Amino acid sequence: MKKFRHSSARPTAPAAPCPDVYQIVTDRIVAALEGGVIPWRKPWNAVYGLPRNYATGVAYSGINAFLLHFSGALPFFMTFKQALALGGHVRKGAKGHLVVYYNVSVRENEHTGKEEKLPFLKYYTVFSVEDIEGIAFDLPAVERHAHTPIEAAEAIVAGWQERPTIEHLHQRATYSPALDRVNMPALATFTTPEGYYATLFHELTHSTGHASRLDRPDLTAGEGKGSASYAREELTAEMGASFLCAAAGLDTAQTEENAVAYIQSWLERLKNDKKLVLQAASKAQRAAKLILGVVEEESQVPTPAPTPTPVRGLVPETDEVGRQYQAAELSWLAAA
């Protein structure tokens, strides 16, 4: 008969599964679209502009601008550690917000022997300043512009020296890669000037994919409206237009209804490709920067925000602050 020895050691708890960040982001975007909201149509605050990190002053870009726009009345955020460093703390029970960025791993190709750079998605957690206590926040002064939004929109178009030809030959908004030409319906046929410029910005974003500019294969793939390349390019154009509308200060509320119906037709494609939204947002950011004349970095991989140093390295995990940090860092999962 075999004898069994009882171990006094406790069984090891299974490791928590790593969240699929691509899927979480996509699910949130899909849920917004199904509810009749286009998350990227107005990714800025009417007073303060794009969401920013309060401690660094840096604006969030790409998909983060869209995700954080719906995360509080004030578009300012901080990490758990940044709040501690300024003498504050995250309110108990507050839910954090997911911020994603790309990092790059470098490895040698076993066939060619050359180095390869492979981007991969990472994330960290930020909290709205509305959920941070113990800090007397000094919000930045609101920048006032002397120009009107329409003048600003026209200045964006005129300021892009490498823009394609813009014509008004017929009542369709199109971009032709072969001719490198945008055609727009007459301004007078739009119900609002904002609608005209939002549409023009959409077509101009398409034109950034031309071989002489950012050379986006999705633009010229020619795989049809039901294809993944078509969906990627249209999402890029929609998101790029939103960044440009934000830069001009345009209010696109009156163009929402038609756009909702247009984009909802892609919902199935979005559900089937969890990377589609993040990739389109990254391409849209590059397109907007090109049109606005913002110098792009050499790498095509989005520059990651500095990863916050884990608080667990500063305080013991058994400490109350350490336990709060552990709970706070994945608090956004409860809101997924």
C-alpha atoms as a PDB file:
ATOM      1  CA  MET A   1       0.000   0.000   0.000  1.00  0.00           C
ATOM      2  CA  LYS A   2       1.318   3.413  -0.958  1.00  0.00           C
ATOM      3  CA  LYS A   3       1.681   6.036   1.699  1.00  0.00           C
ATOM      4  CA  PHE A   4       0.893   9.643   0.946  1.00  0.00           C
ATOM      5  CA  ARG A   5       2.661  12.479   2.691  1.00  0.00           C
ATOM      6  CA  HIS A   6       0.650  15.610   3.348  1.00  0.00           C
ATOM      7  CA  SER A   7       2.557  18.756   2.525  1.00  0.00           C
ATOM      8  CA  SER A   8       2.214  21.739   4.806  1.00  0.00           C
ATOM      9  CA  ALA A   9       2.888  24.098   1.900  1.00  0.00           C
ATOM     10  CA  ARG A  10      -0.095  25.975   0.542  1.00  0.00           C
ATOM     11  CA  PRO A  11      -0.915  25.485  -3.121  1.00  0.00           C
ATOM     12  CA  THR A  12       0.311  28.260  -5.381  1.00  0.00           C
ATOM     13  CA  ALA A  13      -2.487  30.489  -6.619  1.00  0.00           C
ATOM     14  CA  PRO A  14      -2.807  30.442 -10.416  1.00  0.00           C
ATOM     15  CA  ALA A  15      -1.426  33.512 -12.133  1.00  0.00           C
ATOM     16  CA  ALA A  16      -4.020  36.037 -13.236  1.00  0.00           C
ATOM     17  CA  PRO A  17      -4.588  35.861 -16.994  1.00  0.00           C
ATOM     18  CA  CYS A  18      -3.013  38.683 -18.979  1.00  0.00           C
ATOM     19  CA  PRO A  19      -5.758  40.939 -20.338  1.00  0.00           C
ATOM     20  CA  ASP A  20      -6.134  41.077 -24.112  1.00  0.00           C
ATOM     21  CA  VAL A  21      -5.724  44.828 -24.510  1.00  0.00           C
ATOM     22  CA  TYR A  22      -6.462  44.793 -28.238  1.00  0.00           C
ATOM     23  CA  GLN A  23      -9.793  43.089 -27.584  1.00  0.00           C
ATOM     24  CA  ILE A  24     -10.709  45.352 -24.660  1.00  0.00           C
ATOM     25  CA  VAL A  25     -10.094  48.518 -26.690  1.00  0.00           C
ATOM     26  CA  THR A  26     -11.989  47.163 -29.687  1.00  0.00           C
ATOM     27  CA  ASP A  27     -14.942  46.080 -27.543  1.00  0.00           C
ATOM     28  CA  ARG A  28     -15.224  49.567 -26.073  1.00  0.00           C
ATOM     29  CA  ILE A  29     -15.153  51.213 -29.503  1.00  0.00           C
ATOM     30  CA  VAL A  30     -17.725  48.744 -30.869  1.00  0.00           C
ATOM     31  CA  ALA A  31     -20.008  49.329 -27.866  1.00  0.00           C
ATOM     32  CA  ALA A  32     -19.848  53.090 -28.460  1.00  0.00           C
ATOM     33  CA  LEU A  33     -20.655  52.683 -32.161  1.00  0.00           C
ATOM     34  CA  GLU A  34     -23.544  50.351 -31.423  1.00  0.00           C
ATOM     35  CA  GLY A  35     -24.862  53.019 -29.066  1.00  0.00           C
ATOM     36  CA  GLY A  36     -24.796  55.617 -31.814  1.00  0.00           C
ATOM     37  CA  VAL A  37     -21.629  57.391 -30.642  1.00  0.00           C
ATOM     38  CA  ILE A  38     -18.508  57.876 -32.747  1.00  0.00           C
ATOM     39  CA  PRO A  39     -15.628  57.977 -30.259  1.00  0.00           C
ATOM     40  CA  TRP A  40     -13.234  59.704 -32.633  1.00  0.00           C
ATOM     41  CA  ARG A  41     -15.532  62.438 -33.929  1.00  0.00           C
ATOM     42  CA  LYS A  42     -14.649  64.942 -31.197  1.00  0.00           C
ATOM     43  CA  PRO A  43     -11.618  63.705 -29.235  1.00  0.00           C
ATOM     44  CA  TRP A  44     -11.057  66.957 -27.407  1.00  0.00           C
ATOM     45  CA  ASN A  45     -12.492  69.055 -24.610  1.00  0.00           C
ATOM     46  CA  ALA A  46     -14.282  72.240 -25.691  1.00  0.00           C
ATOM     47  CA  VAL A  47     -12.178  74.304 -23.270  1.00  0.00           C
ATOM     48  CA  TYR A  48      -8.868  72.492 -22.774  1.00  0.00           C
ATOM     49  CA  GLY A  49      -8.385  70.556 -26.004  1.00  0.00           C
ATOM     50  CA  LEU A  50      -6.944  67.050 -26.238  1.00  0.00           C
ATOM     51  CA  PRO A  51      -6.581  64.878 -23.101  1.00  0.00           C
ATOM     52  CA  ARG A  52      -3.236  65.450 -21.377  1.00  0.00           C
ATOM     53  CA  ASN A  53      -1.086  64.095 -18.608  1.00  0.00           C
ATOM     54  CA  TYR A  54      -1.289  66.720 -15.860  1.00  0.00           C
ATOM     55  CA  ALA A  55       2.190  66.005 -14.485  1.00  0.00           C
ATOM     56  CA  THR A  56       4.032  66.193 -17.817  1.00  0.00           C
ATOM     57  CA  GLY A  57       1.710  68.368 -19.906  1.00  0.00           C
ATOM     58  CA  VAL A  58       1.997  65.910 -22.804  1.00  0.00           C
ATOM     59  CA  ALA A  59      -1.138  65.281 -24.872  1.00  0.00           C
ATOM     60  CA  TYR A  60      -2.245  61.682 -25.385  1.00  0.00           C
ATOM     61  CA  SER A  61      -2.231  60.597 -29.016  1.00  0.00           C
ATOM     62  CA  GLY A  62      -3.666  57.911 -31.256  1.00  0.00           C
ATOM     63  CA  ILE A  63      -6.361  55.698 -29.779  1.00  0.00           C
ATOM     64  CA  ASN A  64      -5.663  57.091 -26.287  1.00  0.00           C
ATOM     65  CA  ALA A  65      -7.051  60.494 -27.288  1.00  0.00           C
ATOM     66  CA  PHE A  66     -10.336  58.829 -28.176  1.00  0.00           C
ATOM     67  CA  LEU A  67     -10.510  56.520 -25.158  1.00  0.00           C
ATOM     68  CA  LEU A  68      -9.734  59.232 -22.603  1.00  0.00           C
ATOM     69  CA  HIS A  69     -12.119  61.779 -24.100  1.00  0.00           C
ATOM     70  CA  PHE A  70     -15.017  59.935 -22.440  1.00  0.00           C
ATOM     71  CA  SER A  71     -13.285  59.480 -19.092  1.00  0.00           C
ATOM     72  CA  GLY A  72     -14.166  62.649 -17.203  1.00  0.00           C
ATOM     73  CA  ALA A  73     -15.238  66.271 -17.509  1.00  0.00           C
ATOM     74  CA  LEU A  74     -11.652  67.495 -17.144  1.00  0.00           C
ATOM     75  CA  PRO A  75      -9.229  66.090 -19.750  1.00  0.00           C
ATOM     76  CA  PHE A  76      -6.267  65.754 -17.360  1.00  0.00           C
ATOM     77  CA  PHE A  77      -4.874  62.471 -16.059  1.00  0.00           C
ATOM     78  CA  MET A  78      -2.083  61.119 -13.859  1.00  0.00           C
ATOM     79  CA  THR A  79      -0.611  57.762 -12.938  1.00  0.00           C
ATOM     80  CA  PHE A  80      -0.854  56.389  -9.402  1.00  0.00           C
ATOM     81  CA  LYS A  81       2.811  57.176  -8.840  1.00  0.00           C
ATOM     82  CA  GLN A  82       2.551  60.731 -10.198  1.00  0.00           C
ATOM     83  CA  ALA A  83      -0.284  61.451  -7.751  1.00  0.00           C
ATOM     84  CA  LEU A  84       1.854  60.175  -4.852  1.00  0.00           C
ATOM     85  CA  ALA A  85       4.838  62.237  -5.991  1.00  0.00           C
ATOM     86  CA  LEU A  86       2.744  65.416  -5.863  1.00  0.00           C
ATOM     87  CA  GLY A  87       1.491  64.625  -2.376  1.00  0.00           C
ATOM     88  CA  GLY A  88      -1.908  63.306  -3.393  1.00  0.00           C
ATOM     89  CA  HIS A  89      -3.599  59.951  -3.680  1.00  0.00           C
ATOM     90  CA  VAL A  90      -6.159  58.203  -5.840  1.00  0.00           C
ATOM     91  CA  ARG A  91      -9.643  58.264  -4.354  1.00  0.00           C
ATOM     92  CA  LYS A  92     -10.593  54.888  -2.907  1.00  0.00           C
ATOM     93  CA  GLY A  93     -12.758  52.946  -5.330  1.00  0.00           C
ATOM     94  CA  ALA A  94     -11.839  55.114  -8.311  1.00  0.00           C
ATOM     95  CA  LYS A  95     -11.607  53.325 -11.634  1.00  0.00           C
ATOM     96  CA  GLY A  96      -8.492  53.910 -13.707  1.00  0.00           C
ATOM     97  CA  HIS A  97      -8.362  54.328 -17.457  1.00  0.00           C
ATOM     98  CA  LEU A  98      -6.402  52.196 -19.875  1.00  0.00           C
ATOM     99  CA  VAL A  99      -3.563  53.872 -21.805  1.00  0.00           C
ATOM    100  CA  VAL A 100      -1.869  51.824 -24.505  1.00  0.00           C
ATOM    101  CA  TYR A 101       1.396  52.294 -26.339  1.00  0.00           C
ATOM    102  CA  TYR A 102       3.793  50.338 -28.484  1.00  0.00           C
ATOM    103  CA  ASN A 103       7.183  49.125 -27.394  1.00  0.00           C
ATOM    104  CA  VAL A 104       9.754  47.470 -29.607  1.00  0.00           C
ATOM    105  CA  SER A 105      11.597  44.212 -29.153  1.00  0.00           C
ATOM    106  CA  VAL A 106      14.769  43.628 -31.134  1.00  0.00           C
ATOM    107  CA  ARG A 107      15.786  40.135 -32.183  1.00  0.00           C
ATOM    108  CA  GLU A 108      17.949  38.477 -34.795  1.00  0.00           C
ATOM    109  CA  ASN A 109      16.240  36.854 -37.747  1.00  0.00           C
ATOM    110  CA  GLU A 110      17.298  33.205 -37.691  1.00  0.00           C
ATOM    111  CA  HIS A 111      17.255  33.022 -41.492  1.00  0.00           C
ATOM    112  CA  THR A 112      18.899  36.311 -42.503  1.00  0.00           C
ATOM    113  CA  GLY A 113      20.947  37.049 -39.400  1.00  0.00           C
ATOM    114  CA  LYS A 114      19.718  40.652 -39.479  1.00  0.00           C
ATOM    115  CA  GLU A 115      18.165  42.506 -36.596  1.00  0.00           C
ATOM    116  CA  GLU A 116      14.381  42.841 -36.652  1.00  0.00           C
ATOM    117  CA  LYS A 117      12.321  45.373 -34.717  1.00  0.00           C
ATOM    118  CA  LEU A 118       8.958  44.008 -33.669  1.00  0.00           C
ATOM    119  CA  PRO A 119       6.385  46.351 -32.114  1.00  0.00           C
ATOM    120  CA  PHE A 120       4.165  44.972 -29.367  1.00  0.00           C
ATOM    121  CA  LEU A 121       1.377  46.521 -27.351  1.00  0.00           C
ATOM    122  CA  LYS A 122       1.781  47.491 -23.687  1.00  0.00           C
ATOM    123  CA  TYR A 123      -0.438  49.369 -21.290  1.00  0.00           C
ATOM    124  CA  TYR A 124      -0.558  51.243 -18.017  1.00  0.00           C
ATOM    125  CA  THR A 125      -3.241  52.977 -15.954  1.00  0.00           C
ATOM    126  CA  VAL A 126      -4.073  56.647 -15.481  1.00  0.00           C
ATOM    127  CA  PHE A 127      -6.669  58.392 -13.325  1.00  0.00           C
ATOM    128  CA  SER A 128      -8.718  61.494 -13.961  1.00  0.00           C
ATOM    129  CA  VAL A 129      -7.701  64.443 -11.794  1.00  0.00           C
ATOM    130  CA  GLU A 130     -11.332  64.356 -10.640  1.00  0.00           C
ATOM    131  CA  ASP A 131     -10.469  61.093  -8.856  1.00  0.00           C
ATOM    132  CA  ILE A 132      -7.271  62.337  -7.213  1.00  0.00           C
ATOM    133  CA  GLU A 133      -7.406  63.873  -3.746  1.00  0.00           C
ATOM    134  CA  GLY A 134      -4.910  65.935  -1.766  1.00  0.00           C
ATOM    135  CA  ILE A 135      -3.620  68.049  -4.677  1.00  0.00           C
ATOM    136  CA  ALA A 136      -4.601  71.647  -5.398  1.00  0.00           C
ATOM    137  CA  PHE A 137      -4.659  71.365  -9.173  1.00  0.00           C
ATOM    138  CA  ASP A 138      -3.592  74.432 -11.101  1.00  0.00           C
ATOM    139  CA  LEU A 139      -5.166  73.910 -14.497  1.00  0.00           C
ATOM    140  CA  PRO A 140      -3.467  75.626 -17.430  1.00  0.00           C
ATOM    141  CA  ALA A 141      -4.836  78.886 -18.753  1.00  0.00           C
ATOM    142  CA  VAL A 142      -7.261  78.466 -21.613  1.00  0.00           C
ATOM    143  CA  GLU A 143      -5.687  79.489 -24.900  1.00  0.00           C
ATOM    144  CA  ARG A 144      -7.809  81.993 -26.769  1.00  0.00           C
ATOM    145  CA  HIS A 145      -7.708  82.266 -30.550  1.00  0.00           C
ATOM    146  CA  ALA A 146      -8.492  85.407 -32.478  1.00  0.00           C
ATOM    147  CA  HIS A 147      -9.465  83.486 -35.621  1.00  0.00           C
ATOM    148  CA  THR A 148     -12.706  81.646 -36.272  1.00  0.00           C
ATOM    149  CA  PRO A 149     -12.741  77.840 -36.711  1.00  0.00           C
ATOM    150  CA  ILE A 150     -13.514  78.150 -40.430  1.00  0.00           C
ATOM    151  CA  GLU A 151     -10.534  80.442 -40.967  1.00  0.00           C
ATOM    152  CA  ALA A 152      -8.400  77.967 -39.045  1.00  0.00           C
ATOM    153  CA  ALA A 153      -9.629  75.092 -41.224  1.00  0.00           C
ATOM    154  CA  GLU A 154      -8.817  77.030 -44.382  1.00  0.00           C
ATOM    155  CA  ALA A 155      -5.385  77.858 -42.986  1.00  0.00           C
ATOM    156  CA  ILE A 156      -4.687  74.145 -42.404  1.00  0.00           C
ATOM    157  CA  VAL A 157      -5.535  73.357 -46.019  1.00  0.00           C
ATOM    158  CA  ALA A 158      -3.580  76.279 -47.431  1.00  0.00           C
ATOM    159  CA  GLY A 159      -0.604  75.596 -45.167  1.00  0.00           C
ATOM    160  CA  TRP A 160      -0.043  72.069 -46.469  1.00  0.00           C
ATOM    161  CA  GLN A 161       2.431  72.730 -49.250  1.00  0.00           C
ATOM    162  CA  GLU A 162       2.479  69.154 -50.556  1.00  0.00           C
ATOM    163  CA  ARG A 163      -1.314  68.805 -50.734  1.00  0.00           C
ATOM    164  CA  PRO A 164      -2.978  67.231 -53.769  1.00  0.00           C
ATOM    165  CA  THR A 165      -4.987  69.236 -56.277  1.00  0.00           C
ATOM    166  CA  ILE A 166      -8.412  70.163 -54.895  1.00  0.00           C
ATOM    167  CA  GLU A 167     -11.226  70.601 -57.424  1.00  0.00           C
ATOM    168  CA  HIS A 168     -15.017  71.060 -57.405  1.00  0.00           C
ATOM    169  CA  LEU A 169     -15.996  69.327 -60.634  1.00  0.00           C
ATOM    170  CA  HIS A 170     -18.928  67.182 -59.459  1.00  0.00           C
ATOM    171  CA  GLN A 171     -21.072  66.490 -56.398  1.00  0.00           C
ATOM    172  CA  ARG A 172     -19.038  63.634 -54.984  1.00  0.00           C
ATOM    173  CA  ALA A 173     -16.307  63.749 -52.367  1.00  0.00           C
ATOM    174  CA  THR A 174     -13.500  61.548 -53.653  1.00  0.00           C
ATOM    175  CA  TYR A 175      -9.752  61.152 -53.730  1.00  0.00           C
ATOM    176  CA  SER A 176      -8.049  59.638 -56.773  1.00  0.00           C
ATOM    177  CA  PRO A 177      -4.606  58.140 -55.985  1.00  0.00           C
ATOM    178  CA  ALA A 178      -3.844  57.779 -59.704  1.00  0.00           C
ATOM    179  CA  LEU A 179      -4.375  61.509 -60.313  1.00  0.00           C
ATOM    180  CA  ASP A 180      -3.472  62.609 -56.789  1.00  0.00           C
ATOM    181  CA  ARG A 181      -6.579  64.751 -56.865  1.00  0.00           C
ATOM    182  CA  VAL A 182      -9.391  65.510 -54.412  1.00  0.00           C
ATOM    183  CA  ASN A 183     -12.830  66.407 -55.708  1.00  0.00           C
ATOM    184  CA  MET A 184     -15.292  68.117 -53.384  1.00  0.00           C
ATOM    185  CA  PRO A 185     -18.958  69.081 -53.755  1.00  0.00           C
ATOM    186  CA  ALA A 186     -19.483  72.846 -53.749  1.00  0.00           C
ATOM    187  CA  LEU A 187     -19.344  74.441 -50.308  1.00  0.00           C
ATOM    188  CA  ALA A 188     -22.830  75.905 -50.819  1.00  0.00           C
ATOM    189  CA  THR A 189     -24.325  72.401 -51.079  1.00  0.00           C
ATOM    190  CA  PHE A 190     -23.321  71.494 -47.515  1.00  0.00           C
ATOM    191  CA  THR A 191     -25.736  72.258 -44.701  1.00  0.00           C
ATOM    192  CA  THR A 192     -22.869  73.706 -42.644  1.00  0.00           C
ATOM    193  CA  PRO A 193     -19.323  74.873 -43.430  1.00  0.00           C
ATOM    194  CA  GLU A 194     -18.133  72.510 -40.672  1.00  0.00           C
ATOM    195  CA  GLY A 195     -19.531  69.614 -42.687  1.00  0.00           C
ATOM    196  CA  TYR A 196     -17.603  70.762 -45.748  1.00  0.00           C
ATOM    197  CA  TYR A 197     -14.268  70.932 -43.960  1.00  0.00           C
ATOM    198  CA  ALA A 198     -14.809  67.666 -42.068  1.00  0.00           C
ATOM    199  CA  THR A 199     -15.394  65.986 -45.446  1.00  0.00           C
ATOM    200  CA  LEU A 200     -12.417  67.730 -47.029  1.00  0.00           C
ATOM    201  CA  PHE A 201     -10.184  66.654 -44.143  1.00  0.00           C
ATOM    202  CA  HIS A 202     -11.387  63.062 -44.665  1.00  0.00           C
ATOM    203  CA  GLU A 203     -10.324  63.146 -48.321  1.00  0.00           C
ATOM    204  CA  LEU A 204      -7.043  64.898 -47.553  1.00  0.00           C
ATOM    205  CA  THR A 205      -6.243  62.193 -44.991  1.00  0.00           C
ATOM    206  CA  HIS A 206      -6.769  59.622 -47.744  1.00  0.00           C
ATOM    207  CA  SER A 207      -4.285  61.557 -49.890  1.00  0.00           C
ATOM    208  CA  THR A 208      -1.538  61.215 -47.275  1.00  0.00           C
ATOM    209  CA  GLY A 209      -1.414  57.522 -48.188  1.00  0.00           C
ATOM    210  CA  HIS A 210      -0.163  58.342 -51.708  1.00  0.00           C
ATOM    211  CA  ALA A 211       3.151  56.717 -52.673  1.00  0.00           C
ATOM    212  CA  SER A 212       4.865  60.120 -52.636  1.00  0.00           C
ATOM    213  CA  ARG A 213       3.799  60.721 -49.031  1.00  0.00           C
ATOM    214  CA  LEU A 214       3.192  58.034 -46.387  1.00  0.00           C
ATOM    215  CA  ASP A 215       2.720  55.245 -48.939  1.00  0.00           C
ATOM    216  CA  ARG A 216      -0.158  53.349 -47.249  1.00  0.00           C
ATOM    217  CA  PRO A 217      -0.843  50.087 -49.135  1.00  0.00           C
ATOM    218  CA  ASP A 218      -4.448  50.082 -47.904  1.00  0.00           C
ATOM    219  CA  LEU A 219      -5.173  53.139 -50.055  1.00  0.00           C
ATOM    220  CA  THR A 220      -4.408  51.425 -53.350  1.00  0.00           C
ATOM    221  CA  ALA A 221      -5.193  47.797 -52.504  1.00  0.00           C
ATOM    222  CA  GLY A 222      -8.395  47.867 -54.572  1.00  0.00           C
ATOM    223  CA  GLU A 223      -9.894  44.922 -52.679  1.00  0.00           C
ATOM    224  CA  GLY A 224     -13.433  46.307 -52.515  1.00  0.00           C
ATOM    225  CA  LYS A 225     -15.684  47.799 -49.859  1.00  0.00           C
ATOM    226  CA  GLY A 226     -16.026  44.575 -47.897  1.00  0.00           C
ATOM    227  CA  SER A 227     -12.285  44.076 -47.507  1.00  0.00           C
ATOM    228  CA  ALA A 228     -10.091  44.636 -44.481  1.00  0.00           C
ATOM    229  CA  SER A 229      -7.894  47.083 -46.406  1.00  0.00           C
ATOM    230  CA  TYR A 230     -10.914  49.236 -47.282  1.00  0.00           C
ATOM    231  CA  ALA A 231     -12.097  49.268 -43.660  1.00  0.00           C
ATOM    232  CA  ARG A 232      -8.623  50.182 -42.416  1.00  0.00           C
ATOM    233  CA  GLU A 233      -8.265  53.041 -44.889  1.00  0.00           C
ATOM    234  CA  GLU A 234     -11.729  54.458 -44.195  1.00  0.00           C
ATOM    235  CA  LEU A 235     -11.159  54.337 -40.443  1.00  0.00           C
ATOM    236  CA  THR A 236      -7.814  56.057 -40.918  1.00  0.00           C
ATOM    237  CA  ALA A 237      -9.466  58.812 -42.954  1.00  0.00           C
ATOM    238  CA  GLU A 238     -12.277  59.275 -40.409  1.00  0.00           C
ATOM    239  CA  MET A 239      -9.880  59.454 -37.487  1.00  0.00           C
ATOM    240  CA  GLY A 240      -7.452  61.703 -39.343  1.00  0.00           C
ATOM    241  CA  ALA A 241     -10.297  64.087 -40.135  1.00  0.00           C
ATOM    242  CA  SER A 242     -11.210  64.199 -36.445  1.00  0.00           C
ATOM    243  CA  PHE A 243      -7.665  65.212 -35.462  1.00  0.00           C
ATOM    244  CA  LEU A 244      -7.720  67.961 -38.087  1.00  0.00           C
ATOM    245  CA  CYS A 245     -11.146  69.163 -36.972  1.00  0.00           C
ATOM    246  CA  ALA A 246      -9.759  69.300 -33.438  1.00  0.00           C
ATOM    247  CA  ALA A 247      -6.795  71.354 -34.623  1.00  0.00           C
ATOM    248  CA  ALA A 248      -9.175  73.808 -36.327  1.00  0.00           C
ATOM    249  CA  GLY A 249     -11.621  73.916 -33.426  1.00  0.00           C
ATOM    250  CA  LEU A 250     -14.537  72.785 -35.600  1.00  0.00           C
ATOM    251  CA  ASP A 251     -17.775  71.640 -33.987  1.00  0.00           C
ATOM    252  CA  THR A 252     -18.892  68.599 -35.988  1.00  0.00           C
ATOM    253  CA  ALA A 253     -21.975  67.779 -33.892  1.00  0.00           C
ATOM    254  CA  GLN A 254     -24.296  68.467 -36.825  1.00  0.00           C
ATOM    255  CA  THR A 255     -22.520  65.905 -39.016  1.00  0.00           C
ATOM    256  CA  GLU A 256     -22.854  63.088 -36.483  1.00  0.00           C
ATOM    257  CA  GLU A 257     -26.029  61.396 -37.702  1.00  0.00           C
ATOM    258  CA  ASN A 258     -24.867  60.533 -41.217  1.00  0.00           C
ATOM    259  CA  ALA A 259     -21.440  59.475 -39.992  1.00  0.00           C
ATOM    260  CA  VAL A 260     -22.937  57.116 -37.407  1.00  0.00           C
ATOM    261  CA  ALA A 261     -24.951  55.304 -40.069  1.00  0.00           C
ATOM    262  CA  TYR A 262     -21.908  55.185 -42.354  1.00  0.00           C
ATOM    263  CA  ILE A 263     -19.534  53.715 -39.789  1.00  0.00           C
ATOM    264  CA  GLN A 264     -22.015  51.310 -38.227  1.00  0.00           C
ATOM    265  CA  SER A 265     -21.921  49.404 -41.512  1.00  0.00           C
ATOM    266  CA  TRP A 266     -18.357  48.370 -40.575  1.00  0.00           C
ATOM    267  CA  LEU A 267     -19.216  46.996 -37.170  1.00  0.00           C
ATOM    268  CA  GLU A 268     -18.856  43.382 -38.208  1.00  0.00           C
ATOM    269  CA  ARG A 269     -15.419  44.055 -39.632  1.00  0.00           C
ATOM    270  CA  LEU A 270     -14.383  45.779 -36.392  1.00  0.00           C
ATOM    271  CA  LYS A 271     -15.616  42.839 -34.340  1.00  0.00           C
ATOM    272  CA  ASN A 272     -13.596  40.421 -36.459  1.00  0.00           C
ATOM    273  CA  ASP A 273     -10.308  42.336 -36.341  1.00  0.00           C
ATOM    274  CA  LYS A 274      -9.262  43.352 -32.850  1.00  0.00           C
ATOM    275  CA  LYS A 275      -6.215  45.289 -34.098  1.00  0.00           C
ATOM    276  CA  LEU A 276      -8.092  47.349 -36.664  1.00  0.00           C
ATOM    277  CA  VAL A 277      -8.985  50.333 -34.479  1.00  0.00           C
ATOM    278  CA  LEU A 278      -5.557  50.751 -32.882  1.00  0.00           C
ATOM    279  CA  GLN A 279      -3.705  50.462 -36.181  1.00  0.00           C
ATOM    280  CA  ALA A 280      -6.034  52.960 -37.875  1.00  0.00           C
ATOM    281  CA  ALA A 281      -5.605  55.446 -35.029  1.00  0.00           C
ATOM    282  CA  SER A 282      -1.824  55.246 -35.295  1.00  0.00           C
ATOM    283  CA  LYS A 283      -1.931  55.824 -39.069  1.00  0.00           C
ATOM    284  CA  ALA A 284      -4.394  58.691 -38.639  1.00  0.00           C
ATOM    285  CA  GLN A 285      -2.051  60.410 -36.201  1.00  0.00           C
ATOM    286  CA  ARG A 286       0.784  60.264 -38.714  1.00  0.00           C
ATOM    287  CA  ALA A 287      -1.495  61.558 -41.477  1.00  0.00           C
ATOM    288  CA  ALA A 288      -2.664  64.507 -39.388  1.00  0.00           C
ATOM    289  CA  LYS A 289       0.906  65.372 -38.419  1.00  0.00           C
ATOM    290  CA  LEU A 290       1.919  65.401 -42.085  1.00  0.00           C
ATOM    291  CA  ILE A 291      -0.902  67.770 -43.030  1.00  0.00           C
ATOM    292  CA  LEU A 292      -0.289  70.019 -40.020  1.00  0.00           C
ATOM    293  CA  GLY A 293       3.451  70.146 -40.689  1.00  0.00           C
ATOM    294  CA  VAL A 294       4.471  68.396 -37.475  1.00  0.00           C
ATOM    295  CA  VAL A 295       7.887  66.793 -37.917  1.00  0.00           C
ATOM    296  CA  GLU A 296       7.575  62.997 -37.764  1.00  0.00           C
ATOM    297  CA  GLU A 297      10.206  60.875 -36.083  1.00  0.00           C
ATOM    298  CA  GLU A 298      12.225  58.421 -38.133  1.00  0.00           C
ATOM    299  CA  SER A 299      10.638  55.335 -36.614  1.00  0.00           C
ATOM    300  CA  GLN A 300       7.177  54.435 -37.863  1.00  0.00           C
ATOM    301  CA  VAL A 301       6.439  52.825 -34.524  1.00  0.00           C
ATOM    302  CA  PRO A 302       4.560  55.231 -32.239  1.00  0.00           C
ATOM    303  CA  THR A 303       6.861  56.574 -29.549  1.00  0.00           C
ATOM    304  CA  PRO A 304       5.774  55.104 -26.221  1.00  0.00           C
ATOM    305  CA  ALA A 305       5.043  57.236 -23.225  1.00  0.00           C
ATOM    306  CA  PRO A 306       7.508  56.550 -20.409  1.00  0.00           C
ATOM    307  CA  THR A 307       6.349  53.516 -18.477  1.00  0.00           C
ATOM    308  CA  PRO A 308       5.692  54.569 -14.894  1.00  0.00           C
ATOM    309  CA  THR A 309       8.032  52.961 -12.388  1.00  0.00           C
ATOM    310  CA  PRO A 310       5.955  50.440 -10.422  1.00  0.00           C
ATOM    311  CA  VAL A 311       5.174  51.665  -6.930  1.00  0.00           C
ATOM    312  CA  ARG A 312       5.854  48.141  -5.712  1.00  0.00           C
ATOM    313  CA  GLY A 313       9.524  48.992  -6.186  1.00  0.00           C
ATOM    314  CA  LEU A 314       9.181  51.918  -3.789  1.00  0.00           C
ATOM    315  CA  VAL A 315       6.957  50.437  -1.078  1.00  0.00           C
ATOM    316  CA  PRO A 316       6.472  46.846   0.074  1.00  0.00           C
ATOM    317  CA  GLU A 317       3.528  45.068  -1.537  1.00  0.00           C
ATOM    318  CA  THR A 318       2.246  44.286   1.955  1.00  0.00           C
ATOM    319  CA  ASP A 319       2.113  48.019   2.704  1.00  0.00           C
ATOM    320  CA  GLU A 320      -1.337  49.609   2.402  1.00  0.00           C
ATOM    321  CA  VAL A 321      -0.143  51.919  -0.403  1.00  0.00           C
ATOM    322  CA  GLY A 322       1.280  48.941  -2.234  1.00  0.00           C
ATOM    323  CA  ARG A 323      -2.011  47.093  -1.984  1.00  0.00           C
ATOM    324  CA  GLN A 324      -3.863  50.140  -3.280  1.00  0.00           C
ATOM    325  CA  TYR A 325      -1.495  50.313  -6.235  1.00  0.00           C
ATOM    326  CA  GLN A 326      -2.023  46.658  -7.076  1.00  0.00           C
ATOM    327  CA  ALA A 327      -5.804  47.129  -7.067  1.00  0.00           C
ATOM    328  CA  ALA A 328      -5.705  50.438  -8.933  1.00  0.00           C
ATOM    329  CA  GLU A 329      -3.512  49.315 -11.823  1.00  0.00           C
ATOM    330  CA  LEU A 330      -6.146  46.947 -13.214  1.00  0.00           C
ATOM    331  CA  SER A 331      -9.211  48.806 -11.982  1.00  0.00           C
ATOM    332  CA  TRP A 332     -10.082  49.691 -15.584  1.00  0.00           C
ATOM    333  CA  LEU A 333     -10.849  46.000 -16.236  1.00  0.00           C
ATOM    334  CA  ALA A 334     -13.995  46.340 -14.134  1.00  0.00           C
ATOM    335  CA  ALA A 335     -15.161  49.043 -16.525  1.00  0.00           C
ATOM    336  CA  ALA A 336     -14.437  47.017 -19.661  1.00  0.00           C
END
